[in-house]
PDB file of all heavy atoms in Angstrom:
ATOM      1  N   ILE A   1      88.585 111.792 108.570  1.00  0.00           N
ATOM      2  CA  ILE A   1      88.975 111.617 107.188  1.00  0.00           C
ATOM      3  C   ILE A   1      88.142 112.445 106.228  1.00  0.00           C
ATOM      4  O   ILE A   1      88.674 112.912 105.210  1.00  0.00           O
ATOM      5  CB  ILE A   1      88.910 110.128 106.769  1.00  0.00           C
ATOM      6  CG1 ILE A   1      89.709 109.815 105.473  1.00  0.00           C
ATOM      7  CG2 ILE A   1      87.473 109.613 106.670  1.00  0.00           C
ATOM      8  CD1 ILE A   1      91.199 110.016 105.615  1.00  0.00           C
ATOM      9  N   GLU A   2      86.938 112.681 106.554  1.00  0.00           N
ATOM     10  CA  GLU A   2      86.082 113.516 105.731  1.00  0.00           C
ATOM     11  C   GLU A   2      86.514 114.964 105.768  1.00  0.00           C
ATOM     12  O   GLU A   2      86.605 115.641 104.742  1.00  0.00           O
ATOM     13  CB  GLU A   2      84.617 113.395 106.134  1.00  0.00           C
ATOM     14  CG  GLU A   2      83.964 112.033 105.700  1.00  0.00           C
ATOM     15  CD  GLU A   2      82.533 111.967 106.093  1.00  0.00           C
ATOM     16  OE1 GLU A   2      82.111 112.605 107.109  1.00  0.00           O
ATOM     17  OE2 GLU A   2      81.734 111.186 105.448  1.00  0.00           O
ATOM     18  N   GLU A   3      86.836 115.371 107.019  1.00  0.00           N
ATOM     19  CA  GLU A   3      87.319 116.761 107.108  1.00  0.00           C
ATOM     20  C   GLU A   3      88.747 116.977 106.496  1.00  0.00           C
ATOM     21  O   GLU A   3      88.946 117.955 105.807  1.00  0.00           O
ATOM     22  CB  GLU A   3      87.449 117.045 108.702  1.00  0.00           C
ATOM     23  CG  GLU A   3      87.955 118.466 109.009  1.00  0.00           C
ATOM     24  CD  GLU A   3      86.960 119.568 108.646  1.00  0.00           C
ATOM     25  OE1 GLU A   3      85.787 119.236 108.505  1.00  0.00           O
ATOM     26  OE2 GLU A   3      87.456 120.725 108.467  1.00  0.00           O
ATOM     27  N   LYS A   4      89.558 116.026 106.624  1.00  0.00           N
ATOM     28  CA  LYS A   4      90.962 116.086 106.051  1.00  0.00           C
ATOM     29  C   LYS A   4      90.916 116.201 104.547  1.00  0.00           C
ATOM     30  O   LYS A   4      91.689 116.936 103.925  1.00  0.00           O
ATOM     31  CB  LYS A   4      91.740 114.832 106.460  1.00  0.00           C
ATOM     32  CG  LYS A   4      93.148 114.850 105.784  1.00  0.00           C
ATOM     33  CD  LYS A   4      93.932 113.626 106.231  1.00  0.00           C
ATOM     34  CE  LYS A   4      95.323 113.541 105.600  1.00  0.00           C
ATOM     35  NZ  LYS A   4      96.109 112.350 106.026  1.00  0.00           N
ATOM     36  N   SER A   5      89.909 115.530 103.872  1.00  0.00           N
ATOM     37  CA  SER A   5      89.911 115.391 102.427  1.00  0.00           C
ATOM     38  C   SER A   5      88.838 116.359 101.802  1.00  0.00           C
ATOM     39  O   SER A   5      88.713 116.376 100.628  1.00  0.00           O
ATOM     40  CB  SER A   5      89.589 113.999 102.039  1.00  0.00           C
ATOM     41  OG  SER A   5      88.289 113.605 102.357  1.00  0.00           O
ATOM     42  N   LYS A   6      88.128 117.124 102.534  1.00  0.00           N
ATOM     43  CA  LYS A   6      86.990 117.856 102.017  1.00  0.00           C
ATOM     44  C   LYS A   6      87.334 118.893 100.954  1.00  0.00           C
ATOM     45  O   LYS A   6      86.454 119.129 100.106  1.00  0.00           O
ATOM     46  CB  LYS A   6      86.185 118.545 103.132  1.00  0.00           C
ATOM     47  CG  LYS A   6      86.963 119.713 103.784  1.00  0.00           C
ATOM     48  CD  LYS A   6      86.095 120.379 104.925  1.00  0.00           C
ATOM     49  CE  LYS A   6      86.771 121.516 105.498  1.00  0.00           C
ATOM     50  NZ  LYS A   6      85.935 122.212 106.546  1.00  0.00           N
ATOM     51  N   ASN A   7      88.516 119.386 100.969  1.00  0.00           N
ATOM     52  CA  ASN A   7      88.894 120.348  99.990  1.00  0.00           C
ATOM     53  C   ASN A   7      89.664 119.772  98.816  1.00  0.00           C
ATOM     54  O   ASN A   7      90.137 120.485  97.925  1.00  0.00           O
ATOM     55  CB  ASN A   7      89.705 121.483 100.600  1.00  0.00           C
ATOM     56  CG  ASN A   7      88.861 122.319 101.534  1.00  0.00           C
ATOM     57  OD1 ASN A   7      87.695 122.633 101.261  1.00  0.00           O
ATOM     58  ND2 ASN A   7      89.406 122.703 102.715  1.00  0.00           N
ATOM     59  N   ASN A   8      89.855 118.413  98.812  1.00  0.00           N
ATOM     60  CA  ASN A   8      90.631 117.763  97.731  1.00  0.00           C
ATOM     61  C   ASN A   8      89.792 117.869  96.474  1.00  0.00           C
ATOM     62  O   ASN A   8      88.583 117.937  96.435  1.00  0.00           O
ATOM     63  CB  ASN A   8      90.904 116.281  98.091  1.00  0.00           C
ATOM     64  CG  ASN A   8      91.998 116.198  99.145  1.00  0.00           C
ATOM     65  OD1 ASN A   8      92.646 117.188  99.557  1.00  0.00           O
ATOM     66  ND2 ASN A   8      92.237 114.949  99.621  1.00  0.00           N
ATOM     67  N   THR A   9      90.565 117.873  95.324  1.00  0.00           N
ATOM     68  CA  THR A   9      89.864 118.044  94.037  1.00  0.00           C
ATOM     69  C   THR A   9      89.933 116.852  93.103  1.00  0.00           C
ATOM     70  O   THR A   9      89.626 116.986  91.947  1.00  0.00           O
ATOM     71  CB  THR A   9      90.548 119.317  93.312  1.00  0.00           C
ATOM     72  OG1 THR A   9      91.999 119.069  93.241  1.00  0.00           O
ATOM     73  CG2 THR A   9      90.338 120.512  94.119  1.00  0.00           C
ATOM     74  N   GLY A  10      90.522 115.760  93.631  1.00  0.00           N
ATOM     75  CA  GLY A  10      90.565 114.563  92.802  1.00  0.00           C
ATOM     76  C   GLY A  10      89.324 113.727  92.829  1.00  0.00           C
ATOM     77  O   GLY A  10      88.208 114.256  93.131  1.00  0.00           O
ATOM     78  N   ILE A  11      89.394 112.414  92.533  1.00  0.00           N
ATOM     79  CA  ILE A  11      88.246 111.525  92.518  1.00  0.00           C
ATOM     80  C   ILE A  11      87.505 111.625  93.820  1.00  0.00           C
ATOM     81  O   ILE A  11      88.123 111.702  94.981  1.00  0.00           O
ATOM     82  CB  ILE A  11      88.684 110.098  92.239  1.00  0.00           C
ATOM     83  CG1 ILE A  11      87.471 109.149  92.017  1.00  0.00           C
ATOM     84  CG2 ILE A  11      89.616 109.574  93.312  1.00  0.00           C
ATOM     85  CD1 ILE A  11      87.760 107.776  91.556  1.00  0.00           C
ATOM     86  N   VAL A  12      86.158 111.622  93.775  1.00  0.00           N
ATOM     87  CA  VAL A  12      85.304 111.574  94.994  1.00  0.00           C
ATOM     88  C   VAL A  12      84.881 110.144  95.299  1.00  0.00           C
ATOM     89  O   VAL A  12      84.388 109.442  94.370  1.00  0.00           O
ATOM     90  CB  VAL A  12      84.027 112.415  94.814  1.00  0.00           C
ATOM     91  CG1 VAL A  12      83.087 112.303  96.011  1.00  0.00           C
ATOM     92  CG2 VAL A  12      84.379 113.935  94.554  1.00  0.00           C
ATOM     93  N   ILE A  13      85.272 109.678  96.424  1.00  0.00           N
ATOM     94  CA  ILE A  13      85.017 108.225  96.864  1.00  0.00           C
ATOM     95  C   ILE A  13      83.859 108.214  97.874  1.00  0.00           C
ATOM     96  O   ILE A  13      84.096 108.710  98.984  1.00  0.00           O
ATOM     97  CB  ILE A  13      86.287 107.608  97.368  1.00  0.00           C
ATOM     98  CG1 ILE A  13      87.468 107.656  96.389  1.00  0.00           C
ATOM     99  CG2 ILE A  13      86.009 106.129  97.771  1.00  0.00           C
ATOM    100  CD1 ILE A  13      88.782 107.321  96.960  1.00  0.00           C
ATOM    101  N   ASN A  14      82.742 107.688  97.576  1.00  0.00           N
ATOM    102  CA  ASN A  14      81.593 107.562  98.501  1.00  0.00           C
ATOM    103  C   ASN A  14      81.548 106.050  98.916  1.00  0.00           C
ATOM    104  O   ASN A  14      81.340 105.181  98.056  1.00  0.00           O
ATOM    105  CB  ASN A  14      80.349 107.940  97.804  1.00  0.00           C
ATOM    106  CG  ASN A  14      80.324 109.402  97.361  1.00  0.00           C
ATOM    107  OD1 ASN A  14      80.705 110.300  98.042  1.00  0.00           O
ATOM    108  ND2 ASN A  14      79.976 109.584  96.109  1.00  0.00           N
ATOM    109  N   ILE A  15      81.613 105.883 100.177  1.00  0.00           N
ATOM    110  CA  ILE A  15      81.414 104.502 100.713  1.00  0.00           C
ATOM    111  C   ILE A  15      80.112 104.468 101.500  1.00  0.00           C
ATOM    112  O   ILE A  15      79.900 105.128 102.517  1.00  0.00           O
ATOM    113  CB  ILE A  15      82.558 104.078 101.617  1.00  0.00           C
ATOM    114  CG1 ILE A  15      83.856 104.056 100.842  1.00  0.00           C
ATOM    115  CG2 ILE A  15      82.346 102.696 102.233  1.00  0.00           C
ATOM    116  CD1 ILE A  15      85.093 103.772 101.689  1.00  0.00           C
ATOM    117  N   ALA A  16      79.100 103.789 100.983  1.00  0.00           N
ATOM    118  CA  ALA A  16      77.798 103.655 101.594  1.00  0.00           C
ATOM    119  C   ALA A  16      77.864 102.565 102.708  1.00  0.00           C
ATOM    120  O   ALA A  16      77.993 101.417 102.348  1.00  0.00           O
ATOM    121  CB  ALA A  16      76.711 103.302 100.487  1.00  0.00           C
ATOM    122  N   PHE A  17      77.850 103.048 103.906  1.00  0.00           N
ATOM    123  CA  PHE A  17      77.929 102.167 105.027  1.00  0.00           C
ATOM    124  C   PHE A  17      76.808 102.461 106.035  1.00  0.00           C
ATOM    125  O   PHE A  17      76.651 103.606 106.484  1.00  0.00           O
ATOM    126  CB  PHE A  17      79.338 102.310 105.732  1.00  0.00           C
ATOM    127  CG  PHE A  17      79.626 101.175 106.635  1.00  0.00           C
ATOM    128  CD1 PHE A  17      80.313 100.042 106.113  1.00  0.00           C
ATOM    129  CD2 PHE A  17      79.214 101.058 107.963  1.00  0.00           C
ATOM    130  CE1 PHE A  17      80.623  98.926 106.925  1.00  0.00           C
ATOM    131  CE2 PHE A  17      79.578 100.006 108.763  1.00  0.00           C
ATOM    132  CZ  PHE A  17      80.290  98.939 108.220  1.00  0.00           C
ATOM    133  N   ASN A  18      76.083 101.420 106.529  1.00  0.00           N
ATOM    134  CA  ASN A  18      74.877 101.595 107.245  1.00  0.00           C
ATOM    135  C   ASN A  18      73.948 102.583 106.435  1.00  0.00           C
ATOM    136  O   ASN A  18      73.413 103.522 106.897  1.00  0.00           O
ATOM    137  CB  ASN A  18      75.058 102.131 108.681  1.00  0.00           C
ATOM    138  CG  ASN A  18      73.784 101.951 109.532  1.00  0.00           C
ATOM    139  OD1 ASN A  18      72.955 101.068 109.273  1.00  0.00           O
ATOM    140  ND2 ASN A  18      73.609 102.889 110.453  1.00  0.00           N
ATOM    141  N   TYR A  19      73.799 102.214 105.137  1.00  0.00           N
ATOM    142  CA  TYR A  19      73.199 103.029 104.208  1.00  0.00           C
ATOM    143  C   TYR A  19      71.892 102.254 103.726  1.00  0.00           C
ATOM    144  O   TYR A  19      72.019 101.014 103.421  1.00  0.00           O
ATOM    145  CB  TYR A  19      74.002 103.422 103.016  1.00  0.00           C
ATOM    146  CG  TYR A  19      73.228 104.056 101.831  1.00  0.00           C
ATOM    147  CD1 TYR A  19      73.031 105.417 101.821  1.00  0.00           C
ATOM    148  CD2 TYR A  19      72.708 103.268 100.853  1.00  0.00           C
ATOM    149  CE1 TYR A  19      72.353 106.012 100.777  1.00  0.00           C
ATOM    150  CE2 TYR A  19      71.942 103.873  99.826  1.00  0.00           C
ATOM    151  CZ  TYR A  19      71.787 105.252  99.834  1.00  0.00           C
ATOM    152  OH  TYR A  19      71.067 105.814  98.819  1.00  0.00           O
ATOM    153  N   GLY A  20      70.849 102.939 103.520  1.00  0.00           N
ATOM    154  CA  GLY A  20      69.625 102.435 102.844  1.00  0.00           C
ATOM    155  C   GLY A  20      68.984 103.571 102.077  1.00  0.00           C
ATOM    156  O   GLY A  20      68.834 104.665 102.698  1.00  0.00           O
ATOM    157  N   SER A  21      68.584 103.374 100.891  1.00  0.00           N
ATOM    158  CA  SER A  21      68.034 104.410 100.081  1.00  0.00           C
ATOM    159  C   SER A  21      66.684 104.926 100.678  1.00  0.00           C
ATOM    160  O   SER A  21      66.362 106.129 100.701  1.00  0.00           O
ATOM    161  CB  SER A  21      67.799 103.933  98.610  1.00  0.00           C
ATOM    162  OG  SER A  21      67.445 105.093  97.843  1.00  0.00           O
ATOM    163  N   ARG A  22      65.876 103.987 101.156  1.00  0.00           N
ATOM    164  CA  ARG A  22      64.626 104.436 101.766  1.00  0.00           C
ATOM    165  C   ARG A  22      64.865 105.292 102.957  1.00  0.00           C
ATOM    166  O   ARG A  22      64.209 106.317 103.213  1.00  0.00           O
ATOM    167  CB  ARG A  22      63.732 103.175 102.124  1.00  0.00           C
ATOM    168  CG  ARG A  22      63.155 102.471 100.899  1.00  0.00           C
ATOM    169  CD  ARG A  22      62.276 101.377 101.360  1.00  0.00           C
ATOM    170  NE  ARG A  22      61.674 100.611 100.154  1.00  0.00           N
ATOM    171  CZ  ARG A  22      60.893  99.615 100.230  1.00  0.00           C
ATOM    172  NH1 ARG A  22      60.617  99.073 101.406  1.00  0.00           N
ATOM    173  NH2 ARG A  22      60.288  99.126  99.152  1.00  0.00           N
ATOM    174  N   ASP A  23      65.808 104.866 103.807  1.00  0.00           N
ATOM    175  CA  ASP A  23      66.206 105.701 104.949  1.00  0.00           C
ATOM    176  C   ASP A  23      66.624 107.051 104.552  1.00  0.00           C
ATOM    177  O   ASP A  23      66.343 108.010 105.196  1.00  0.00           O
ATOM    178  CB  ASP A  23      67.239 104.929 105.717  1.00  0.00           C
ATOM    179  CG  ASP A  23      67.745 105.661 107.006  1.00  0.00           C
ATOM    180  OD1 ASP A  23      66.975 105.801 107.981  1.00  0.00           O
ATOM    181  OD2 ASP A  23      68.826 106.180 106.991  1.00  0.00           O
ATOM    182  N   GLU A  24      67.520 107.088 103.491  1.00  0.00           N
ATOM    183  CA  GLU A  24      68.055 108.381 103.000  1.00  0.00           C
ATOM    184  C   GLU A  24      66.865 109.323 102.560  1.00  0.00           C
ATOM    185  O   GLU A  24      66.915 110.483 102.846  1.00  0.00           O
ATOM    186  CB  GLU A  24      68.982 108.112 101.849  1.00  0.00           C
ATOM    187  CG  GLU A  24      69.566 109.359 101.234  1.00  0.00           C
ATOM    188  CD  GLU A  24      70.421 109.078 100.043  1.00  0.00           C
ATOM    189  OE1 GLU A  24      70.206 108.107  99.352  1.00  0.00           O
ATOM    190  OE2 GLU A  24      71.374 109.871  99.784  1.00  0.00           O
ATOM    191  N   ILE A  25      65.979 108.740 101.859  1.00  0.00           N
ATOM    192  CA  ILE A  25      64.824 109.579 101.337  1.00  0.00           C
ATOM    193  C   ILE A  25      63.928 110.024 102.517  1.00  0.00           C
ATOM    194  O   ILE A  25      63.506 111.218 102.536  1.00  0.00           O
ATOM    195  CB  ILE A  25      63.967 108.730 100.397  1.00  0.00           C
ATOM    196  CG1 ILE A  25      64.743 108.576  99.065  1.00  0.00           C
ATOM    197  CG2 ILE A  25      62.662 109.443 100.056  1.00  0.00           C
ATOM    198  CD1 ILE A  25      64.176 107.557  98.125  1.00  0.00           C
ATOM    199  N   ILE A  26      63.730 109.204 103.461  1.00  0.00           N
ATOM    200  CA  ILE A  26      62.952 109.555 104.751  1.00  0.00           C
ATOM    201  C   ILE A  26      63.629 110.724 105.430  1.00  0.00           C
ATOM    202  O   ILE A  26      63.059 111.727 105.833  1.00  0.00           O
ATOM    203  CB  ILE A  26      62.711 108.391 105.583  1.00  0.00           C
ATOM    204  CG1 ILE A  26      61.683 107.463 104.887  1.00  0.00           C
ATOM    205  CG2 ILE A  26      62.149 108.812 107.006  1.00  0.00           C
ATOM    206  CD1 ILE A  26      61.513 106.078 105.601  1.00  0.00           C
ATOM    207  N   ARG A  27      64.962 110.587 105.607  1.00  0.00           N
ATOM    208  CA  ARG A  27      65.793 111.625 106.295  1.00  0.00           C
ATOM    209  C   ARG A  27      65.726 112.907 105.579  1.00  0.00           C
ATOM    210  O   ARG A  27      65.563 114.008 106.208  1.00  0.00           O
ATOM    211  CB  ARG A  27      67.204 111.225 106.433  1.00  0.00           C
ATOM    212  CG  ARG A  27      67.466 110.053 107.482  1.00  0.00           C
ATOM    213  CD  ARG A  27      68.907 109.530 107.420  1.00  0.00           C
ATOM    214  NE  ARG A  27      68.998 108.486 108.416  1.00  0.00           N
ATOM    215  CZ  ARG A  27      69.433 108.782 109.708  1.00  0.00           C
ATOM    216  NH1 ARG A  27      69.670 110.019 110.029  1.00  0.00           N
ATOM    217  NH2 ARG A  27      69.481 107.803 110.540  1.00  0.00           N
TER     218      ARG A  27
END
């Protein structure tokens, strides 16, 4: 679904799943 929609120009929908901000910063 990310590949299919990557060139779309409408609204960007981000779904944070198995997400943590501390984990994101460490990565």
